[in-house]
Amino acid sequence: MASQPRSATIKDVAAAAGVGIATVSRVFSGTGAVSERTRERVLAAARELDYRPSALGRGLRLRRSGGIGLVVPDVADPFCVGLIDGVLACARSLGEHLVLDAAHGDPAREAEIVDRMVEQRLDGVIALPAGSGAGDGWRAAVRSGARVVFADRALPGLPEIPAVLADDRSGVRTLVEYLVGLGHRRIAFLGAAAPGAAAGVRERAFRDTLAELGVTADEDLIVSARPARDSAYAAAAGLLQRRGDVTAVLAAGHLLGEAAVLVSRELDLRVPADVSIAMVDDVPWAELCDPPLTVVARPAYDIGYRACEMLLRDRPRRAAGPVLLPTELVIRGSCGPPRSPRTPAARAAGR
């Protein structure tokens, strides 16, 4: 039987390039000084011999296994899909592979995932953190020496972990200004914080912008809903059934926007003739609605790409604040000037 061809070794590359083994090691590890001419000679010899450095051996020397971890709430969520694409594109361009997992909004599950990634000695972890309940797990990861970058969300009390976020405040402000400019005064906010909890960035921007424009925020129109379909639907249904005088709904996320569209159809509300609907996040179905939805587009791909760059190139360090990427108001057909609210009897008569 013919013997299997022997794989090239680092000694073979050193001999072919006319350098020492230590020089070849410096070229492939990226550590130590090597002239550009010598580096090109070593790489040419490696290509000629089809030499492939051992990732396992390099990981043992550096006490890292290589690769980066990415923790998201849901791999099927449209925003997460865009963010994952951005991280993948950046990781590939820098020669890294990706370990992906989903926590589904559960801080305990997230902590287990992060512990496993730290034990695997990955080069770093990017995460959309589950919430404030996950803070201790992230502190432990940082204390262990893991590099961490948050994407799309930042946790209070963890300023040492850098974050890349969409400028949600600016996006919501622009959308509220647009709705008020159309003449809306009874604007509902769908997706507020739970009673007793601190308001999020989007709710605060909604309230502050109305106040600056001289519009009184109606507390009964600021409705709490969890980021889940059942909760979003219940909140939207309760709001639109209870308050027939609402002229516009601002949904704080795409699940909430989806619920507002479904409920308006079930109640025979015409969009935008009876109620205008707009939401945060531009997802594929938003443009396919009839009419297409006005949205605040958030740069999911860019957030993922920049978070990966920060992790692998910039080396995470304590910063003055998160990196904010701009949002964009995309005006479509779902918003128009307010009209007089229709009574249930008038809707039944088609007037």
Protein backbone atom coordinates (compact mmCIF):
# COMPACT_ATOMS: atom_id res chain seq x y z
CA MET A 1 0.00 0.00 0.00
CA ALA A 2 1.21 3.50 -0.83
CA SER A 3 2.14 5.53 2.22
CA GLN A 4 0.26 8.74 2.96
CA PRO A 5 2.20 11.90 2.00
CA ARG A 6 3.80 13.61 4.98
CA SER A 7 2.40 17.00 5.95
CA ALA A 8 4.85 19.89 5.89
CA THR A 9 6.17 21.00 9.24
CA ILE A 10 7.44 24.30 10.58
CA LYS A 11 10.98 22.96 10.13
CA ASP A 12 10.31 22.40 6.41
CA VAL A 13 9.07 25.97 6.02
CA ALA A 14 12.09 27.35 7.89
CA ALA A 15 14.48 25.39 5.67
CA ALA A 16 12.75 26.43 2.45
CA ALA A 17 12.71 30.10 3.48
CA GLY A 18 16.28 30.05 4.78
CA VAL A 19 15.32 31.27 8.25
CA GLY A 20 15.12 29.84 11.73
CA ILE A 21 12.12 28.06 13.23
CA ALA A 22 11.63 30.94 15.67
CA THR A 23 11.23 33.37 12.77
CA VAL A 24 8.54 31.19 11.16
CA SER A 25 6.77 31.00 14.51
CA ARG A 26 6.81 34.81 14.86
CA VAL A 27 5.35 35.22 11.36
CA PHE A 28 2.38 32.94 12.04
CA SER A 29 1.75 34.01 15.63
CA GLY A 30 1.92 37.71 14.81
CA THR A 31 4.25 38.33 17.76
CA GLY A 32 7.79 39.68 17.64
CA ALA A 33 9.61 41.74 15.02
CA VAL A 34 10.00 40.34 11.48
CA SER A 35 10.92 42.38 8.41
CA GLU A 36 8.35 42.56 5.63
CA ARG A 37 10.76 40.94 3.19
CA THR A 38 11.39 37.99 5.51
CA ARG A 39 7.68 37.68 6.24
CA GLU A 40 6.84 37.45 2.53
CA ARG A 41 9.56 34.82 2.03
CA VAL A 42 8.19 32.68 4.86
CA LEU A 43 4.60 32.97 3.59
CA ALA A 44 5.70 32.07 0.04
CA ALA A 45 7.50 28.97 1.34
CA ALA A 46 4.44 27.99 3.38
CA ARG A 47 2.19 28.29 0.31
CA GLU A 48 4.59 26.26 -1.78
CA LEU A 49 4.69 23.48 0.82
CA ASP A 50 0.95 23.78 1.60
CA TYR A 51 1.87 24.28 5.25
CA ARG A 52 -0.98 24.88 7.67
CA PRO A 53 -0.08 26.00 11.21
CA SER A 54 -1.75 24.09 14.01
CA ALA A 55 -4.51 26.14 15.59
CA LEU A 56 -4.51 23.76 18.55
CA GLY A 57 -0.80 24.21 19.16
CA ARG A 58 -1.06 27.96 18.84
CA GLY A 59 -3.98 27.99 21.25
CA LEU A 60 -2.06 26.00 23.83
CA ARG A 61 0.85 28.43 23.66
CA LEU A 62 -1.40 31.49 23.92
CA ARG A 63 -3.76 29.83 26.44
CA ARG A 64 -6.62 30.59 24.01
CA SER A 65 -8.54 28.25 21.71
CA GLY A 66 -9.30 30.94 19.12
CA GLY A 67 -12.66 32.04 17.85
CA ILE A 68 -15.18 34.40 19.37
CA GLY A 69 -18.51 33.80 21.06
CA LEU A 70 -21.78 35.53 20.18
CA VAL A 71 -24.81 35.37 22.49
CA VAL A 72 -28.15 36.63 21.14
CA PRO A 73 -31.74 36.39 22.42
CA ASP A 74 -33.08 34.55 19.34
CA VAL A 75 -31.26 33.46 16.18
CA ALA A 76 -34.51 33.77 14.17
CA ASP A 77 -35.25 37.35 15.19
CA PRO A 78 -34.86 39.62 12.12
CA PHE A 79 -32.75 42.21 13.96
CA CYS A 80 -30.51 39.49 15.42
CA VAL A 81 -30.07 37.96 11.96
CA GLY A 82 -28.69 41.25 10.65
CA LEU A 83 -26.41 41.64 13.65
CA ILE A 84 -25.12 38.06 13.31
CA ASP A 85 -24.32 38.74 9.63
CA GLY A 86 -22.25 41.76 10.64
CA VAL A 87 -20.28 39.84 13.26
CA LEU A 88 -19.67 36.97 10.82
CA ALA A 89 -18.43 39.30 8.08
CA CYS A 90 -15.96 41.00 10.40
CA ALA A 91 -14.79 37.74 12.02
CA ARG A 92 -14.12 36.16 8.62
CA SER A 93 -12.18 39.18 7.43
CA LEU A 94 -9.95 38.87 10.50
CA GLY A 95 -9.54 35.08 10.24
CA GLU A 96 -11.69 34.16 13.24
CA HIS A 97 -14.49 31.63 13.55
CA LEU A 98 -17.73 32.17 15.45
CA VAL A 99 -19.42 30.20 18.24
CA LEU A 100 -23.11 31.18 18.35
CA ASP A 101 -25.75 30.53 21.02
CA ALA A 102 -29.14 31.92 22.04
CA ALA A 103 -30.27 32.74 25.59
CA HIS A 104 -33.94 33.47 24.75
CA GLY A 105 -34.02 36.31 27.28
CA ASP A 106 -33.20 34.01 30.23
CA PRO A 107 -30.38 35.41 32.43
CA ALA A 108 -29.70 31.97 33.97
CA ARG A 109 -29.34 30.36 30.56
CA GLU A 110 -27.17 33.25 29.41
CA ALA A 111 -24.88 32.78 32.42
CA GLU A 112 -24.44 29.07 31.55
CA ILE A 113 -23.58 29.94 27.94
CA VAL A 114 -21.03 32.55 28.98
CA ASP A 115 -19.43 30.22 31.53
CA ARG A 116 -19.01 27.61 28.81
CA MET A 117 -17.48 30.11 26.40
CA VAL A 118 -15.05 31.33 29.05
CA GLU A 119 -14.05 27.72 29.82
CA GLN A 120 -13.43 27.17 26.10
CA ARG A 121 -10.95 30.07 26.23
CA LEU A 122 -12.41 31.87 23.26
CA ASP A 123 -10.71 35.09 22.22
CA GLY A 124 -13.72 37.10 23.37
CA VAL A 125 -17.50 37.29 23.62
CA ILE A 126 -20.03 39.62 21.99
CA ALA A 127 -23.49 39.65 23.51
CA LEU A 128 -26.94 41.18 23.47
CA PRO A 129 -27.33 40.77 27.25
CA ALA A 130 -30.59 39.35 28.59
CA GLY A 131 -31.15 42.06 31.19
CA SER A 132 -30.08 43.48 34.52
CA GLY A 133 -30.39 40.06 36.15
CA ALA A 134 -27.38 38.86 34.14
CA GLY A 135 -24.96 41.44 35.56
CA ASP A 136 -23.18 39.13 38.00
CA GLY A 137 -22.40 36.60 35.27
CA TRP A 138 -20.80 39.25 33.09
CA ARG A 139 -18.77 40.64 36.00
CA ALA A 140 -17.43 37.13 36.67
CA ALA A 141 -16.50 36.72 33.00
CA VAL A 142 -14.56 39.99 32.98
CA ARG A 143 -12.78 39.09 36.24
CA SER A 144 -11.66 35.84 34.63
CA GLY A 145 -9.88 37.82 31.93
CA ALA A 146 -12.43 37.36 29.13
CA ARG A 147 -12.80 40.20 26.65
CA VAL A 148 -16.46 41.23 26.32
CA VAL A 149 -18.34 43.70 24.13
CA PHE A 150 -22.08 44.36 24.37
CA ALA A 151 -24.05 44.94 21.17
CA ASP A 152 -27.44 46.72 20.89
CA ARG A 153 -27.85 46.75 24.69
CA ALA A 154 -25.77 47.88 27.65
CA LEU A 155 -26.32 46.84 31.25
CA PRO A 156 -26.42 49.49 33.98
CA GLY A 157 -23.65 49.19 36.51
CA LEU A 158 -21.17 47.67 34.05
CA PRO A 159 -19.34 50.68 32.56
CA GLU A 160 -16.19 48.58 32.21
CA ILE A 161 -17.80 46.62 29.37
CA PRO A 162 -17.82 48.62 26.11
CA ALA A 163 -20.99 48.65 24.02
CA VAL A 164 -22.06 49.42 20.46
CA LEU A 165 -25.64 50.70 20.31
CA ALA A 166 -28.10 52.26 17.92
CA ASP A 167 -28.91 55.87 18.74
CA ASP A 168 -32.46 54.97 19.78
CA ARG A 169 -33.06 58.28 21.50
CA SER A 170 -32.44 60.24 18.33
CA GLY A 171 -34.51 57.78 16.28
CA VAL A 172 -37.58 57.96 18.53
CA ARG A 173 -37.26 61.73 18.80
CA THR A 174 -37.31 62.07 15.00
CA LEU A 175 -40.35 59.79 14.73
CA VAL A 176 -42.32 61.65 17.42
CA GLU A 177 -41.50 64.97 15.76
CA TYR A 178 -42.78 63.56 12.47
CA LEU A 179 -46.07 62.36 13.99
CA VAL A 180 -46.67 65.62 15.84
CA GLY A 181 -45.84 67.49 12.65
CA LEU A 182 -48.63 65.57 10.90
CA GLY A 183 -51.02 66.89 13.54
CA HIS A 184 -51.20 63.94 15.97
CA ARG A 185 -51.70 64.71 19.64
CA ARG A 186 -53.18 61.42 20.97
CA ILE A 187 -50.13 59.26 20.30
CA ALA A 188 -49.90 55.90 22.06
CA PHE A 189 -46.56 54.35 23.02
CA LEU A 190 -46.64 50.56 22.88
CA GLY A 191 -43.91 48.81 24.83
CA ALA A 192 -43.27 50.88 27.94
CA ALA A 193 -41.43 49.65 31.02
CA ALA A 194 -43.32 47.53 33.53
CA PRO A 195 -44.95 49.48 36.37
CA GLY A 196 -42.33 50.50 38.93
CA ALA A 197 -39.41 49.82 36.58
CA ALA A 198 -37.17 52.52 35.18
CA ALA A 199 -38.21 53.76 31.75
CA GLY A 200 -36.04 52.62 28.85
CA VAL A 201 -34.27 54.90 26.37
CA ARG A 202 -37.13 54.74 23.85
CA GLU A 203 -39.86 55.57 26.36
CA ARG A 204 -37.83 58.43 27.85
CA ALA A 205 -37.23 59.83 24.37
CA PHE A 206 -40.97 59.60 23.64
CA ARG A 207 -41.91 61.45 26.82
CA ASP A 208 -39.17 64.06 26.54
CA THR A 209 -39.91 64.86 22.89
CA LEU A 210 -43.64 65.31 23.53
CA ALA A 211 -42.84 67.65 26.42
CA GLU A 212 -40.43 69.69 24.30
CA LEU A 213 -43.11 70.00 21.59
CA GLY A 214 -45.71 71.14 24.11
CA VAL A 215 -47.81 67.97 23.89
CA THR A 216 -49.03 66.41 27.14
CA ALA A 217 -48.29 62.71 27.42
CA ASP A 218 -51.46 60.76 28.27
CA GLU A 219 -50.35 58.11 30.79
CA ASP A 220 -53.20 55.85 29.74
CA LEU A 221 -51.68 55.70 26.25
CA ILE A 222 -48.26 54.52 27.45
CA VAL A 223 -48.74 50.78 27.54
CA SER A 224 -46.45 48.10 28.95
CA ALA A 225 -45.72 44.94 26.97
CA ARG A 226 -43.00 42.31 27.13
CA PRO A 227 -41.01 41.59 23.92
CA ALA A 228 -43.09 38.48 23.19
CA ARG A 229 -45.94 37.97 20.72
CA ASP A 230 -48.62 37.07 23.27
CA SER A 231 -47.84 40.06 25.50
CA ALA A 232 -47.53 42.42 22.53
CA TYR A 233 -50.87 41.31 21.11
CA ALA A 234 -52.65 41.64 24.46
CA ALA A 235 -51.25 45.14 24.98
CA ALA A 236 -52.17 46.31 21.48
CA ALA A 237 -55.68 44.85 21.69
CA GLY A 238 -56.35 46.38 25.09
CA LEU A 239 -55.11 49.77 23.94
CA LEU A 240 -57.04 50.02 20.66
CA GLN A 241 -60.25 48.58 22.10
CA ARG A 242 -60.14 50.84 25.16
CA ARG A 243 -59.14 54.09 23.49
CA GLY A 244 -60.99 54.79 20.25
CA ASP A 245 -59.59 58.32 20.24
CA VAL A 246 -56.00 57.21 19.56
CA THR A 247 -54.81 58.66 16.26
CA ALA A 248 -51.29 57.18 16.14
CA VAL A 249 -49.40 54.23 17.66
CA LEU A 250 -45.64 54.22 18.10
CA ALA A 251 -44.50 50.62 18.65
CA ALA A 252 -41.14 50.30 20.42
CA GLY A 253 -40.11 47.15 18.50
CA HIS A 254 -41.07 44.99 15.54
CA LEU A 255 -43.06 42.43 17.58
CA LEU A 256 -45.11 45.29 19.00
CA GLY A 257 -45.55 46.78 15.54
CA GLU A 258 -46.72 43.43 14.22
CA ALA A 259 -49.28 43.25 17.02
CA ALA A 260 -50.55 46.76 16.30
CA VAL A 261 -51.07 45.89 12.62
CA LEU A 262 -52.90 42.63 13.42
CA VAL A 263 -55.19 44.22 15.99
CA SER A 264 -56.03 47.17 13.74
CA ARG A 265 -57.14 44.73 11.03
CA GLU A 266 -59.25 42.72 13.45
CA LEU A 267 -60.95 45.93 14.66
CA ASP A 268 -61.53 47.09 11.07
CA LEU A 269 -59.35 50.16 11.60
CA ARG A 270 -58.00 51.61 8.38
CA VAL A 271 -54.30 52.53 8.34
CA PRO A 272 -53.59 55.43 8.20
CA ALA A 273 -57.14 56.80 7.76
CA ASP A 274 -58.28 55.74 11.25
CA VAL A 275 -54.94 55.22 12.99
CA SER A 276 -51.34 55.78 11.96
CA ILE A 277 -48.84 53.07 12.91
CA ALA A 278 -45.05 53.41 13.10
CA MET A 279 -42.42 51.30 14.80
CA VAL A 280 -38.79 51.01 15.80
CA ASP A 281 -36.85 48.50 13.60
CA ASP A 282 -37.04 48.01 9.87
CA VAL A 283 -37.69 44.31 9.22
CA PRO A 284 -38.47 42.70 5.83
CA TRP A 285 -42.23 42.41 6.37
CA ALA A 286 -42.59 46.11 7.24
CA GLU A 287 -42.25 47.13 3.59
CA LEU A 288 -44.65 44.36 2.50
CA CYS A 289 -47.53 45.56 4.69
CA ASP A 290 -50.50 47.31 3.08
CA PRO A 291 -49.71 50.11 3.49
CA PRO A 292 -45.96 49.75 4.14
CA LEU A 293 -44.94 50.76 7.66
CA THR A 294 -43.07 53.91 8.60
CA VAL A 295 -40.09 52.84 10.73
CA VAL A 296 -36.97 53.90 12.55
CA ALA A 297 -34.32 51.76 10.84
CA ARG A 298 -31.58 50.60 13.20
CA PRO A 299 -28.22 49.44 11.74
CA ALA A 300 -28.14 45.80 12.90
CA TYR A 301 -25.37 44.73 10.50
CA ASP A 302 -23.17 47.73 11.36
CA ILE A 303 -23.66 47.19 15.10
CA GLY A 304 -22.47 43.58 14.75
CA TYR A 305 -19.52 44.49 12.54
CA ARG A 306 -18.36 47.33 14.79
CA ALA A 307 -18.72 45.22 17.95
CA CYS A 308 -16.52 42.52 16.38
CA GLU A 309 -13.95 45.10 15.30
CA MET A 310 -13.89 46.50 18.81
CA LEU A 311 -13.38 43.04 20.27
CA LEU A 312 -10.63 41.88 17.91
CA ARG A 313 -8.88 45.05 16.77
CA ASP A 314 -9.43 47.77 19.34
CA ARG A 315 -9.20 45.48 22.37
CA PRO A 316 -12.11 46.34 24.71
CA ARG A 317 -11.27 48.99 27.26
CA ARG A 318 -13.24 51.18 29.59
CA ALA A 319 -14.65 54.06 27.59
CA ALA A 320 -16.45 57.31 28.34
CA GLY A 321 -19.66 55.81 26.99
CA PRO A 322 -21.09 53.46 24.39
CA VAL A 323 -20.44 53.85 20.68
CA LEU A 324 -23.69 55.14 19.13
CA LEU A 325 -24.50 54.41 15.49
CA PRO A 326 -27.08 56.56 13.70
CA THR A 327 -30.64 55.47 12.95
CA GLU A 328 -32.80 56.54 10.00
CA LEU A 329 -36.45 57.51 9.75
CA VAL A 330 -37.98 55.69 6.77
CA ILE A 331 -41.30 57.29 5.85
CA ARG A 332 -43.81 54.99 4.17
CA GLY A 333 -47.57 54.91 3.80
CA SER A 334 -48.73 53.90 7.29
CA CYS A 335 -48.78 57.43 8.70
CA GLY A 336 -50.94 60.36 7.72
CA PRO A 337 -52.74 63.35 9.24
CA PRO A 338 -55.24 62.45 11.99
CA ARG A 339 -58.93 62.27 11.21
CA SER A 340 -61.95 62.33 13.45
CA PRO A 341 -62.21 59.00 15.34
CA ARG A 342 -64.88 56.65 14.00
CA THR A 343 -67.39 55.12 16.38
CA PRO A 344 -67.91 51.32 16.33
CA ALA A 345 -71.29 51.89 14.65
CA ALA A 346 -69.71 54.00 11.92
CA ARG A 347 -67.02 51.38 11.33
CA ALA A 348 -69.69 48.67 11.02
CA ALA A 349 -71.48 50.82 8.44
CA GLY A 350 -68.24 51.29 6.50
CA ARG A 351 -68.16 55.06 7.07
